[in-house]
Amino acid sequence: MSGTRNKESVSDDDLRDLSSKIAGLWRFLGRELKIPQHTLDHIGSNNPADVTAKCYQSLLYWRKNSANPSKQVLEDARRAMDIDTEERSGSSSDRQGDHKVHPVTEQQRLMLYLI
C-alpha cells in the first residue's frame, strides 16, 4: 500500500516533517526537485540563519509550482539524494535528542562546505 500513499498529495505537515529531517541538505533537495537556482538563492537570503525554514520554504515553492507535487516525487528525490528519512526499529543511526542524524555522502559534505 505504500505505492498508494506515495501518490497522495503532500500536506503542510509532510513538508514540516521532511524539513526538520533534512534541513541541512535543503539546496540538494531543491535541485533534485528542479527548483530554479535563483529561487533557491532568494529563499536562502530570506532565511539566513534558519536552515529548517529554508528547506520548508523551498518545499512550499515546489508544491505550489510543480506539475506533480506528490509524495512519490519527494520519495524519488530523497532516494536520488541517498537520504534515509524513514524511521527504522533497531537502526544503528546515531541519535541526538529526538532527531536522527543521517550519514552524508562525501559529495554532499563538499557541497555543504561550498554553500
PDB file of N, CA and C in Angstrom:
ATOM      1  N   MET A   1       0.794  -1.193   0.000  1.00  0.00           N
ATOM      2  CA  MET A   1       0.000   0.000   0.000  1.00  0.00           C
ATOM      3  C   MET A   1       0.845   1.269   0.000  1.00  0.00           C
ATOM      4  N   SER A   2       2.151   1.131   0.216  1.00  0.00           N
ATOM      5  CA  SER A   2       2.974   2.331   0.237  1.00  0.00           C
ATOM      6  C   SER A   2       2.989   3.027  -1.116  1.00  0.00           C
ATOM      7  N   GLY A   3       2.765   2.306  -2.210  1.00  0.00           N
ATOM      8  CA  GLY A   3       2.673   2.938  -3.515  1.00  0.00           C
ATOM      9  C   GLY A   3       1.496   3.884  -3.596  1.00  0.00           C
ATOM     10  N   THR A   4       0.376   3.495  -2.982  1.00  0.00           N
ATOM     11  CA  THR A   4      -0.798   4.353  -2.949  1.00  0.00           C
ATOM     12  C   THR A   4      -0.521   5.582  -2.101  1.00  0.00           C
ATOM     13  N   ARG A   5       0.097   5.397  -0.958  1.00  0.00           N
ATOM     14  CA  ARG A   5       0.398   6.508  -0.069  1.00  0.00           C
ATOM     15  C   ARG A   5       1.286   7.531  -0.768  1.00  0.00           C
ATOM     16  N   ASN A   6       2.264   7.071  -1.520  1.00  0.00           N
ATOM     17  CA  ASN A   6       3.205   7.962  -2.174  1.00  0.00           C
ATOM     18  C   ASN A   6       2.587   8.788  -3.285  1.00  0.00           C
ATOM     19  N   LYS A   7       1.424   8.385  -3.803  1.00  0.00           N
ATOM     20  CA  LYS A   7       0.769   9.150  -4.852  1.00  0.00           C
ATOM     21  C   LYS A   7      -0.121  10.241  -4.275  1.00  0.00           C
ATOM     22  N   GLU A   8      -0.294  10.244  -2.955  1.00  0.00           N
ATOM     23  CA  GLU A   8      -1.116  11.240  -2.301  1.00  0.00           C
ATOM     24  C   GLU A   8      -0.473  12.611  -2.420  1.00  0.00           C
ATOM     25  N   SER A   9      -1.321  13.639  -2.258  1.00  0.00           N
ATOM     26  CA  SER A   9      -0.784  14.991  -2.252  1.00  0.00           C
ATOM     27  C   SER A   9       0.020  15.216  -0.980  1.00  0.00           C
ATOM     28  N   VAL A  10       0.846  16.216  -0.997  1.00  0.00           N
ATOM     29  CA  VAL A  10       1.763  16.498   0.095  1.00  0.00           C
ATOM     30  C   VAL A  10       1.158  17.580   0.988  1.00  0.00           C
ATOM     31  N   SER A  11       1.019  17.288   2.278  1.00  0.00           N
ATOM     32  CA  SER A  11       0.429  18.232   3.225  1.00  0.00           C
ATOM     33  C   SER A  11       1.496  19.145   3.828  1.00  0.00           C
ATOM     34  N   ASP A  12       1.045  20.197   4.501  1.00  0.00           N
ATOM     35  CA  ASP A  12       1.977  21.066   5.232  1.00  0.00           C
ATOM     36  C   ASP A  12       2.743  20.262   6.280  1.00  0.00           C
ATOM     37  N   ASP A  13       2.043  19.340   6.945  1.00  0.00           N
ATOM     38  CA  ASP A  13       2.708  18.509   7.947  1.00  0.00           C
ATOM     39  C   ASP A  13       3.807  17.657   7.321  1.00  0.00           C
ATOM     40  N   ASP A  14       3.548  17.110   6.135  1.00  0.00           N
ATOM     41  CA  ASP A  14       4.573  16.334   5.432  1.00  0.00           C
ATOM     42  C   ASP A  14       5.802  17.200   5.162  1.00  0.00           C
ATOM     43  N   LEU A  15       5.568  18.427   4.711  1.00  0.00           N
ATOM     44  CA  LEU A  15       6.674  19.330   4.395  1.00  0.00           C
ATOM     45  C   LEU A  15       7.450  19.713   5.650  1.00  0.00           C
ATOM     46  N   ARG A  16       6.742  19.997   6.745  1.00  0.00           N
ATOM     47  CA  ARG A  16       7.419  20.335   8.003  1.00  0.00           C
ATOM     48  C   ARG A  16       8.254  19.160   8.503  1.00  0.00           C
ATOM     49  N   ASP A  17       7.685  17.963   8.429  1.00  0.00           N
ATOM     50  CA  ASP A  17       8.395  16.770   8.890  1.00  0.00           C
ATOM     51  C   ASP A  17       9.674  16.557   8.088  1.00  0.00           C
ATOM     52  N   LEU A  18       9.566  16.613   6.778  1.00  0.00           N
ATOM     53  CA  LEU A  18      10.742  16.417   5.928  1.00  0.00           C
ATOM     54  C   LEU A  18      11.763  17.531   6.161  1.00  0.00           C
ATOM     55  N   SER A  19      11.290  18.761   6.310  1.00  0.00           N
ATOM     56  CA  SER A  19      12.189  19.897   6.545  1.00  0.00           C
ATOM     57  C   SER A  19      13.024  19.706   7.799  1.00  0.00           C
ATOM     58  N   SER A  20      12.399  19.197   8.844  1.00  0.00           N
ATOM     59  CA  SER A  20      13.144  19.007  10.093  1.00  0.00           C
ATOM     60  C   SER A  20      14.146  17.866   9.990  1.00  0.00           C
ATOM     61  N   LYS A  21      13.890  16.904   9.112  1.00  0.00           N
ATOM     62  CA  LYS A  21      14.781  15.752   8.979  1.00  0.00           C
ATOM     63  C   LYS A  21      15.999  16.025   8.100  1.00  0.00           C
ATOM     64  N   ILE A  22      15.845  16.846   7.096  1.00  0.00           N
ATOM     65  CA  ILE A  22      16.948  17.030   6.140  1.00  0.00           C
ATOM     66  C   ILE A  22      17.306  18.491   5.925  1.00  0.00           C
ATOM     67  N   ALA A  23      17.053  19.325   6.904  1.00  0.00           N
ATOM     68  CA  ALA A  23      17.230  20.768   6.753  1.00  0.00           C
ATOM     69  C   ALA A  23      18.571  21.155   6.151  1.00  0.00           C
ATOM     70  N   GLY A  24      19.654  20.554   6.607  1.00  0.00           N
ATOM     71  CA  GLY A  24      20.985  20.928   6.134  1.00  0.00           C
ATOM     72  C   GLY A  24      21.247  20.612   4.670  1.00  0.00           C
ATOM     73  N   LEU A  25      20.389  19.814   4.082  1.00  0.00           N
ATOM     74  CA  LEU A  25      20.559  19.431   2.677  1.00  0.00           C
ATOM     75  C   LEU A  25      19.484  20.057   1.789  1.00  0.00           C
ATOM     76  N   TRP A  26      18.929  21.181   2.232  1.00  0.00           N
ATOM     77  CA  TRP A  26      17.796  21.780   1.525  1.00  0.00           C
ATOM     78  C   TRP A  26      18.137  22.169   0.093  1.00  0.00           C
ATOM     79  N   ARG A  27      19.340  22.637  -0.174  1.00  0.00           N
ATOM     80  CA  ARG A  27      19.699  23.004  -1.558  1.00  0.00           C
ATOM     81  C   ARG A  27      19.772  21.768  -2.458  1.00  0.00           C
ATOM     82  N   PHE A  28      20.311  20.677  -1.944  1.00  0.00           N
ATOM     83  CA  PHE A  28      20.348  19.433  -2.718  1.00  0.00           C
ATOM     84  C   PHE A  28      18.934  18.996  -3.078  1.00  0.00           C
ATOM     85  N   LEU A  29      18.060  19.020  -2.081  1.00  0.00           N
ATOM     86  CA  LEU A  29      16.675  18.623  -2.323  1.00  0.00           C
ATOM     87  C   LEU A  29      16.029  19.560  -3.331  1.00  0.00           C
ATOM     88  N   GLY A  30      16.250  20.846  -3.174  1.00  0.00           N
ATOM     89  CA  GLY A  30      15.699  21.820  -4.122  1.00  0.00           C
ATOM     90  C   GLY A  30      16.155  21.562  -5.547  1.00  0.00           C
ATOM     91  N   ARG A  31      17.411  21.227  -5.691  1.00  0.00           N
ATOM     92  CA  ARG A  31      17.926  20.927  -7.032  1.00  0.00           C
ATOM     93  C   ARG A  31      17.315  19.648  -7.587  1.00  0.00           C
ATOM     94  N   GLU A  32      17.166  18.636  -6.736  1.00  0.00           N
ATOM     95  CA  GLU A  32      16.523  17.386  -7.172  1.00  0.00           C
ATOM     96  C   GLU A  32      15.078  17.627  -7.594  1.00  0.00           C
ATOM     97  N   LEU A  33      14.419  18.582  -6.950  1.00  0.00           N
ATOM     98  CA  LEU A  33      13.018  18.894  -7.252  1.00  0.00           C
ATOM     99  C   LEU A  33      12.904  19.927  -8.371  1.00  0.00           C
ATOM    100  N   LYS A  34      14.025  20.266  -8.982  1.00  0.00           N
ATOM    101  CA  LYS A  34      14.083  21.172 -10.136  1.00  0.00           C
ATOM    102  C   LYS A  34      13.634  22.598  -9.798  1.00  0.00           C
ATOM    103  N   ILE A  35      13.927  23.027  -8.572  1.00  0.00           N
ATOM    104  CA  ILE A  35      13.659  24.419  -8.194  1.00  0.00           C
ATOM    105  C   ILE A  35      14.781  25.261  -8.789  1.00  0.00           C
ATOM    106  N   PRO A  36      14.442  26.347  -9.497  1.00  0.00           N
ATOM    107  CA  PRO A  36      15.478  27.172 -10.129  1.00  0.00           C
ATOM    108  C   PRO A  36      16.492  27.706  -9.114  1.00  0.00           C
ATOM    109  N   GLN A  37      17.744  27.792  -9.545  1.00  0.00           N
ATOM    110  CA  GLN A  37      18.818  28.255  -8.666  1.00  0.00           C
ATOM    111  C   GLN A  37      18.528  29.638  -8.094  1.00  0.00           C
ATOM    112  N   HIS A  38      18.001  30.546  -8.919  1.00  0.00           N
ATOM    113  CA  HIS A  38      17.726  31.899  -8.409  1.00  0.00           C
ATOM    114  C   HIS A  38      16.664  31.873  -7.303  1.00  0.00           C
ATOM    115  N   THR A  39      15.745  30.925  -7.373  1.00  0.00           N
ATOM    116  CA  THR A  39      14.738  30.789  -6.318  1.00  0.00           C
ATOM    117  C   THR A  39      15.380  30.265  -5.040  1.00  0.00           C
ATOM    118  N   LEU A  40      16.259  29.277  -5.172  1.00  0.00           N
ATOM    119  CA  LEU A  40      16.968  28.774  -4.001  1.00  0.00           C
ATOM    120  C   LEU A  40      17.817  29.876  -3.363  1.00  0.00           C
ATOM    121  N   ASP A  41      18.463  30.686  -4.179  1.00  0.00           N
ATOM    122  CA  ASP A  41      19.264  31.799  -3.662  1.00  0.00           C
ATOM    123  C   ASP A  41      18.380  32.786  -2.903  1.00  0.00           C
ATOM    124  N   HIS A  42      17.209  33.079  -3.455  1.00  0.00           N
ATOM    125  CA  HIS A  42      16.265  34.005  -2.819  1.00  0.00           C
ATOM    126  C   HIS A  42      15.791  33.454  -1.478  1.00  0.00           C
ATOM    127  N   ILE A  43      15.433  32.180  -1.456  1.00  0.00           N
ATOM    128  CA  ILE A  43      14.997  31.537  -0.210  1.00  0.00           C
ATOM    129  C   ILE A  43      16.126  31.577   0.818  1.00  0.00           C
ATOM    130  N   GLY A  44      17.343  31.311   0.375  1.00  0.00           N
ATOM    131  CA  GLY A  44      18.488  31.336   1.282  1.00  0.00           C
ATOM    132  C   GLY A  44      18.734  32.709   1.875  1.00  0.00           C
ATOM    133  N   SER A  45      18.599  33.750   1.066  1.00  0.00           N
ATOM    134  CA  SER A  45      18.850  35.101   1.582  1.00  0.00           C
ATOM    135  C   SER A  45      17.712  35.602   2.468  1.00  0.00           C
ATOM    136  N   ASN A  46      16.509  35.082   2.280  1.00  0.00           N
ATOM    137  CA  ASN A  46      15.379  35.492   3.118  1.00  0.00           C
ATOM    138  C   ASN A  46      15.370  34.809   4.481  1.00  0.00           C
ATOM    139  N   ASN A  47      16.100  33.734   4.631  1.00  0.00           N
ATOM    140  CA  ASN A  47      16.144  32.965   5.880  1.00  0.00           C
ATOM    141  C   ASN A  47      17.590  32.640   6.229  1.00  0.00           C
ATOM    142  N   PRO A  48      18.434  33.663   6.429  1.00  0.00           N
ATOM    143  CA  PRO A  48      19.871  33.402   6.529  1.00  0.00           C
ATOM    144  C   PRO A  48      20.303  32.467   7.655  1.00  0.00           C
ATOM    145  N   ALA A  49      19.613  32.476   8.782  1.00  0.00           N
ATOM    146  CA  ALA A  49      20.087  31.675   9.918  1.00  0.00           C
ATOM    147  C   ALA A  49      19.234  30.445  10.187  1.00  0.00           C
ATOM    148  N   ASP A  50      18.107  30.303   9.521  1.00  0.00           N
ATOM    149  CA  ASP A  50      17.171  29.220   9.833  1.00  0.00           C
ATOM    150  C   ASP A  50      17.139  28.200   8.698  1.00  0.00           C
ATOM    151  N   VAL A  51      17.947  27.163   8.834  1.00  0.00           N
ATOM    152  CA  VAL A  51      18.084  26.162   7.783  1.00  0.00           C
ATOM    153  C   VAL A  51      16.781  25.381   7.592  1.00  0.00           C
ATOM    154  N   THR A  52      16.080  25.091   8.663  1.00  0.00           N
ATOM    155  CA  THR A  52      14.811  24.369   8.539  1.00  0.00           C
ATOM    156  C   THR A  52      13.800  25.207   7.769  1.00  0.00           C
ATOM    157  N   ALA A  53      13.778  26.511   8.014  1.00  0.00           N
ATOM    158  CA  ALA A  53      12.869  27.401   7.278  1.00  0.00           C
ATOM    159  C   ALA A  53      13.224  27.435   5.796  1.00  0.00           C
ATOM    160  N   LYS A  54      14.503  27.407   5.474  1.00  0.00           N
ATOM    161  CA  LYS A  54      14.925  27.374   4.072  1.00  0.00           C
ATOM    162  C   LYS A  54      14.383  26.123   3.387  1.00  0.00           C
ATOM    163  N   CYS A  55      14.517  24.997   4.057  1.00  0.00           N
ATOM    164  CA  CYS A  55      14.028  23.743   3.498  1.00  0.00           C
ATOM    165  C   CYS A  55      12.512  23.795   3.324  1.00  0.00           C
ATOM    166  N   TYR A  56      11.817  24.242   4.356  1.00  0.00           N
ATOM    167  CA  TYR A  56      10.354  24.317   4.305  1.00  0.00           C
ATOM    168  C   TYR A  56       9.888  25.259   3.197  1.00  0.00           C
ATOM    169  N   GLN A  57      10.496  26.419   3.089  1.00  0.00           N
ATOM    170  CA  GLN A  57      10.100  27.382   2.054  1.00  0.00           C
ATOM    171  C   GLN A  57      10.374  26.835   0.656  1.00  0.00           C
ATOM    172  N   SER A  58      11.476  26.118   0.488  1.00  0.00           N
ATOM    173  CA  SER A  58      11.751  25.535  -0.830  1.00  0.00           C
ATOM    174  C   SER A  58      10.723  24.453  -1.163  1.00  0.00           C
ATOM    175  N   LEU A  59      10.322  23.674  -0.161  1.00  0.00           N
ATOM    176  CA  LEU A  59       9.291  22.652  -0.392  1.00  0.00           C
ATOM    177  C   LEU A  59       7.931  23.282  -0.692  1.00  0.00           C
ATOM    178  N   LEU A  60       7.602  24.377  -0.014  1.00  0.00           N
ATOM    179  CA  LEU A  60       6.351  25.092  -0.330  1.00  0.00           C
ATOM    180  C   LEU A  60       6.370  25.588  -1.775  1.00  0.00           C
ATOM    181  N   TYR A  61       7.519  26.148  -2.176  1.00  0.00           N
ATOM    182  CA  TYR A  61       7.650  26.617  -3.559  1.00  0.00           C
ATOM    183  C   TYR A  61       7.431  25.460  -4.530  1.00  0.00           C
ATOM    184  N   TRP A  62       8.096  24.341  -4.266  1.00  0.00           N
ATOM    185  CA  TRP A  62       7.962  23.166  -5.133  1.00  0.00           C
ATOM    186  C   TRP A  62       6.514  22.709  -5.219  1.00  0.00           C
ATOM    187  N   ARG A  63       5.847  22.597  -4.071  1.00  0.00           N
ATOM    188  CA  ARG A  63       4.460  22.117  -4.068  1.00  0.00           C
ATOM    189  C   ARG A  63       3.554  23.053  -4.871  1.00  0.00           C
ATOM    190  N   LYS A  64       3.778  24.351  -4.743  1.00  0.00           N
ATOM    191  CA  LYS A  64       2.944  25.331  -5.458  1.00  0.00           C
ATOM    192  C   LYS A  64       3.221  25.327  -6.961  1.00  0.00           C
ATOM    193  N   ASN A  65       4.446  25.103  -7.373  1.00  0.00           N
ATOM    194  CA  ASN A  65       4.841  25.271  -8.767  1.00  0.00           C
ATOM    195  C   ASN A  65       5.065  23.986  -9.542  1.00  0.00           C
ATOM    196  N   SER A  66       5.026  22.852  -8.875  1.00  0.00           N
ATOM    197  CA  SER A  66       5.282  21.579  -9.538  1.00  0.00           C
ATOM    198  C   SER A  66       4.037  21.078 -10.268  1.00  0.00           C
ATOM    199  N   ALA A  67       4.258  20.437 -11.401  1.00  0.00           N
ATOM    200  CA  ALA A  67       3.161  19.806 -12.126  1.00  0.00           C
ATOM    201  C   ALA A  67       2.658  18.568 -11.387  1.00  0.00           C
ATOM    202  N   ASN A  68       3.522  17.968 -10.549  1.00  0.00           N
ATOM    203  CA  ASN A  68       3.163  16.740  -9.840  1.00  0.00           C
ATOM    204  C   ASN A  68       3.735  16.767  -8.417  1.00  0.00           C
ATOM    205  N   PRO A  69       3.150  17.586  -7.529  1.00  0.00           N
ATOM    206  CA  PRO A  69       3.674  17.651  -6.156  1.00  0.00           C
ATOM    207  C   PRO A  69       3.153  16.501  -5.293  1.00  0.00           C
ATOM    208  N   SER A  70       3.689  15.322  -5.523  1.00  0.00           N
ATOM    209  CA  SER A  70       3.196  14.130  -4.822  1.00  0.00           C
ATOM    210  C   SER A  70       4.250  13.582  -3.877  1.00  0.00           C
ATOM    211  N   LYS A  71       3.798  12.713  -2.977  1.00  0.00           N
ATOM    212  CA  LYS A  71       4.721  12.047  -2.068  1.00  0.00           C
ATOM    213  C   LYS A  71       5.703  11.171  -2.841  1.00  0.00           C
ATOM    214  N   GLN A  72       5.271  10.633  -3.968  1.00  0.00           N
ATOM    215  CA  GLN A  72       6.159   9.793  -4.779  1.00  0.00           C
ATOM    216  C   GLN A  72       7.332  10.613  -5.320  1.00  0.00           C
ATOM    217  N   VAL A  73       7.070  11.835  -5.752  1.00  0.00           N
ATOM    218  CA  VAL A  73       8.139  12.693  -6.260  1.00  0.00           C
ATOM    219  C   VAL A  73       9.130  13.009  -5.141  1.00  0.00           C
ATOM    220  N   LEU A  74       8.627  13.302  -3.947  1.00  0.00           N
ATOM    221  CA  LEU A  74       9.516  13.552  -2.813  1.00  0.00           C
ATOM    222  C   LEU A  74      10.340  12.313  -2.477  1.00  0.00           C
ATOM    223  N   GLU A  75       9.705  11.168  -2.504  1.00  0.00           N
ATOM    224  CA  GLU A  75      10.412   9.912  -2.219  1.00  0.00           C
ATOM    225  C   GLU A  75      11.502   9.672  -3.261  1.00  0.00           C
ATOM    226  N   ASP A  76      11.193   9.919  -4.523  1.00  0.00           N
ATOM    227  CA  ASP A  76      12.191   9.747  -5.586  1.00  0.00           C
ATOM    228  C   ASP A  76      13.372  10.693  -5.394  1.00  0.00           C
ATOM    229  N   ALA A  77      13.087  11.945  -5.015  1.00  0.00           N
ATOM    230  CA  ALA A  77      14.160  12.917  -4.774  1.00  0.00           C
ATOM    231  C   ALA A  77      15.005  12.488  -3.585  1.00  0.00           C
ATOM    232  N   ARG A  78      14.361  12.014  -2.527  1.00  0.00           N
ATOM    233  CA  ARG A  78      15.084  11.533  -1.349  1.00  0.00           C
ATOM    234  C   ARG A  78      15.998  10.383  -1.716  1.00  0.00           C
ATOM    235  N   ARG A  79      15.486   9.464  -2.518  1.00  0.00           N
ATOM    236  CA  ARG A  79      16.304   8.317  -2.939  1.00  0.00           C
ATOM    237  C   ARG A  79      17.474   8.767  -3.815  1.00  0.00           C
ATOM    238  N   ALA A  80      17.223   9.710  -4.699  1.00  0.00           N
ATOM    239  CA  ALA A  80      18.294  10.210  -5.567  1.00  0.00           C
ATOM    240  C   ALA A  80      19.401  10.861  -4.740  1.00  0.00           C
ATOM    241  N   MET A  81      19.024  11.447  -3.618  1.00  0.00           N
ATOM    242  CA  MET A  81      20.000  12.075  -2.732  1.00  0.00           C
ATOM    243  C   MET A  81      20.596  11.075  -1.755  1.00  0.00           C
ATOM    244  N   ASP A  82      20.050   9.858  -1.718  1.00  0.00           N
ATOM    245  CA  ASP A  82      20.509   8.808  -0.820  1.00  0.00           C
ATOM    246  C   ASP A  82      20.399   9.239   0.636  1.00  0.00           C
ATOM    247  N   ILE A  83      19.235   9.794   0.987  1.00  0.00           N
ATOM    248  CA  ILE A  83      18.967  10.230   2.355  1.00  0.00           C
ATOM    249  C   ILE A  83      17.931   9.310   2.961  1.00  0.00           C
ATOM    250  N   ASP A  84      18.211   8.837   4.147  1.00  0.00           N
ATOM    251  CA  ASP A  84      17.294   7.956   4.861  1.00  0.00           C
ATOM    252  C   ASP A  84      16.447   8.797   5.808  1.00  0.00           C
ATOM    253  N   THR A  85      15.162   8.984   5.485  1.00  0.00           N
ATOM    254  CA  THR A  85      14.272   9.728   6.376  1.00  0.00           C
ATOM    255  C   THR A  85      13.248   8.818   7.018  1.00  0.00           C
ATOM    256  N   GLU A  86      13.334   7.529   6.753  1.00  0.00           N
ATOM    257  CA  GLU A  86      12.386   6.583   7.338  1.00  0.00           C
ATOM    258  C   GLU A  86      12.879   6.147   8.703  1.00  0.00           C
ATOM    259  N   GLU A  87      11.955   6.068   9.648  1.00  0.00           N
ATOM    260  CA  GLU A  87      12.283   5.544  10.973  1.00  0.00           C
ATOM    261  C   GLU A  87      12.413   4.034  10.850  1.00  0.00           C
ATOM    262  N   ARG A  88      13.475   3.474  11.388  1.00  0.00           N
ATOM    263  CA  ARG A  88      13.665   2.029  11.361  1.00  0.00           C
ATOM    264  C   ARG A  88      13.923   1.555  12.777  1.00  0.00           C
ATOM    265  N   SER A  89      13.212   0.519  13.182  1.00  0.00           N
ATOM    266  CA  SER A  89      13.462  -0.030  14.508  1.00  0.00           C
ATOM    267  C   SER A  89      14.784  -0.774  14.486  1.00  0.00           C
ATOM    268  N   GLY A  90      15.533  -0.630  15.562  1.00  0.00           N
ATOM    269  CA  GLY A  90      16.821  -1.309  15.643  1.00  0.00           C
ATOM    270  C   GLY A  90      17.880  -0.679  14.765  1.00  0.00           C
ATOM    271  N   SER A  91      17.656   0.538  14.313  1.00  0.00           N
ATOM    272  CA  SER A  91      18.607   1.205  13.440  1.00  0.00           C
ATOM    273  C   SER A  91      19.890   1.527  14.184  1.00  0.00           C
ATOM    274  N   SER A  92      20.988   1.495  13.478  1.00  0.00           N
ATOM    275  CA  SER A  92      22.266   1.835  14.092  1.00  0.00           C
ATOM    276  C   SER A  92      22.577   3.312  13.945  1.00  0.00           C
ATOM    277  N   SER A  93      21.615   4.102  13.395  1.00  0.00           N
ATOM    278  CA  SER A  93      21.847   5.535  13.244  1.00  0.00           C
ATOM    279  C   SER A  93      22.039   6.182  14.601  1.00  0.00           C
ATOM    280  N   ASP A  94      22.927   7.154  14.651  1.00  0.00           N
ATOM    281  CA  ASP A  94      23.109   7.916  15.881  1.00  0.00           C
ATOM    282  C   ASP A  94      21.879   8.766  16.123  1.00  0.00           C
ATOM    283  N   ARG A  95      21.626   9.103  17.383  1.00  0.00           N
ATOM    284  CA  ARG A  95      20.501   9.957  17.718  1.00  0.00           C
ATOM    285  C   ARG A  95      21.003  11.134  18.545  1.00  0.00           C
ATOM    286  N   GLN A  96      20.432  12.286  18.299  1.00  0.00           N
ATOM    287  CA  GLN A  96      20.666  13.459  19.125  1.00  0.00           C
ATOM    288  C   GLN A  96      19.287  13.972  19.501  1.00  0.00           C
ATOM    289  N   GLY A  97      18.907  13.832  20.762  1.00  0.00           N
ATOM    290  CA  GLY A  97      17.570  14.217  21.168  1.00  0.00           C
ATOM    291  C   GLY A  97      16.564  13.366  20.437  1.00  0.00           C
ATOM    292  N   ASP A  98      15.584  13.997  19.810  1.00  0.00           N
ATOM    293  CA  ASP A  98      14.547  13.286  19.073  1.00  0.00           C
ATOM    294  C   ASP A  98      14.832  13.225  17.583  1.00  0.00           C
ATOM    295  N   HIS A  99      15.963  13.751  17.137  1.00  0.00           N
ATOM    296  CA  HIS A  99      16.244  13.813  15.702  1.00  0.00           C
ATOM    297  C   HIS A  99      17.323  12.814  15.334  1.00  0.00           C
ATOM    298  N   LYS A 100      17.083  12.073  14.259  1.00  0.00           N
ATOM    299  CA  LYS A 100      18.104  11.158  13.764  1.00  0.00           C
ATOM    300  C   LYS A 100      19.188  11.942  13.046  1.00  0.00           C
ATOM    301  N   VAL A 101      20.388  11.471  13.155  1.00  0.00           N
ATOM    302  CA  VAL A 101      21.489  12.026  12.390  1.00  0.00           C
ATOM    303  C   VAL A 101      21.765  11.037  11.269  1.00  0.00           C
ATOM    304  N   HIS A 102      21.658  11.499  10.037  1.00  0.00           N
ATOM    305  CA  HIS A 102      21.795  10.617   8.884  1.00  0.00           C
ATOM    306  C   HIS A 102      23.160  10.794   8.242  1.00  0.00           C
ATOM    307  N   PRO A 103      23.712   9.726   7.734  1.00  0.00           N
ATOM    308  CA  PRO A 103      25.009   9.840   7.080  1.00  0.00           C
ATOM    309  C   PRO A 103      24.926  10.738   5.850  1.00  0.00           C
ATOM    310  N   VAL A 104      25.968  11.471   5.613  1.00  0.00           N
ATOM    311  CA  VAL A 104      26.051  12.373   4.467  1.00  0.00           C
ATOM    312  C   VAL A 104      27.182  11.878   3.586  1.00  0.00           C
ATOM    313  N   THR A 105      26.946  11.834   2.280  1.00  0.00           N
ATOM    314  CA  THR A 105      27.982  11.374   1.363  1.00  0.00           C
ATOM    315  C   THR A 105      29.090  12.415   1.255  1.00  0.00           C
ATOM    316  N   GLU A 106      30.224  12.005   0.738  1.00  0.00           N
ATOM    317  CA  GLU A 106      31.338  12.929   0.547  1.00  0.00           C
ATOM    318  C   GLU A 106      30.946  14.075  -0.380  1.00  0.00           C
ATOM    319  N   GLN A 107      30.170  13.789  -1.430  1.00  0.00           N
ATOM    320  CA  GLN A 107      29.740  14.834  -2.353  1.00  0.00           C
ATOM    321  C   GLN A 107      28.861  15.847  -1.623  1.00  0.00           C
ATOM    322  N   GLN A 108      27.964  15.384  -0.764  1.00  0.00           N
ATOM    323  CA  GLN A 108      27.113  16.288  -0.016  1.00  0.00           C
ATOM    324  C   GLN A 108      27.931  17.133   0.953  1.00  0.00           C
ATOM    325  N   ARG A 109      28.937  16.530   1.604  1.00  0.00           N
ATOM    326  CA  ARG A 109      29.798  17.292   2.503  1.00  0.00           C
ATOM    327  C   ARG A 109      30.514  18.405   1.749  1.00  0.00           C
ATOM    328  N   LEU A 110      31.027  18.093   0.578  1.00  0.00           N
ATOM    329  CA  LEU A 110      31.716  19.082  -0.230  1.00  0.00           C
ATOM    330  C   LEU A 110      30.767  20.202  -0.617  1.00  0.00           C
ATOM    331  N   MET A 111      29.575  19.844  -1.055  1.00  0.00           N
ATOM    332  CA  MET A 111      28.610  20.860  -1.469  1.00  0.00           C
ATOM    333  C   MET A 111      28.176  21.714  -0.276  1.00  0.00           C
ATOM    334  N   LEU A 112      27.985  21.122   0.895  1.00  0.00           N
ATOM    335  CA  LEU A 112      27.630  21.896   2.085  1.00  0.00           C
ATOM    336  C   LEU A 112      28.758  22.860   2.443  1.00  0.00           C
ATOM    337  N   TYR A 113      29.986  22.426   2.256  1.00  0.00           N
ATOM    338  CA  TYR A 113      31.123  23.286   2.520  1.00  0.00           C
ATOM    339  C   TYR A 113      31.130  24.483   1.560  1.00  0.00           C
ATOM    340  N   LEU A 114      30.755  24.239   0.305  1.00  0.00           N
ATOM    341  CA  LEU A 114      30.778  25.299  -0.702  1.00  0.00           C
ATOM    342  C   LEU A 114      29.606  26.267  -0.589  1.00  0.00           C
ATOM    343  N   ILE A 115      28.535  25.842   0.076  1.00  0.00           N
ATOM    344  CA  ILE A 115      27.340  26.705   0.174  1.00  0.00           C
ATOM    345  C   ILE A 115      27.569  27.828   1.134  1.00  0.00           C
TER     346      ILE A 115
END
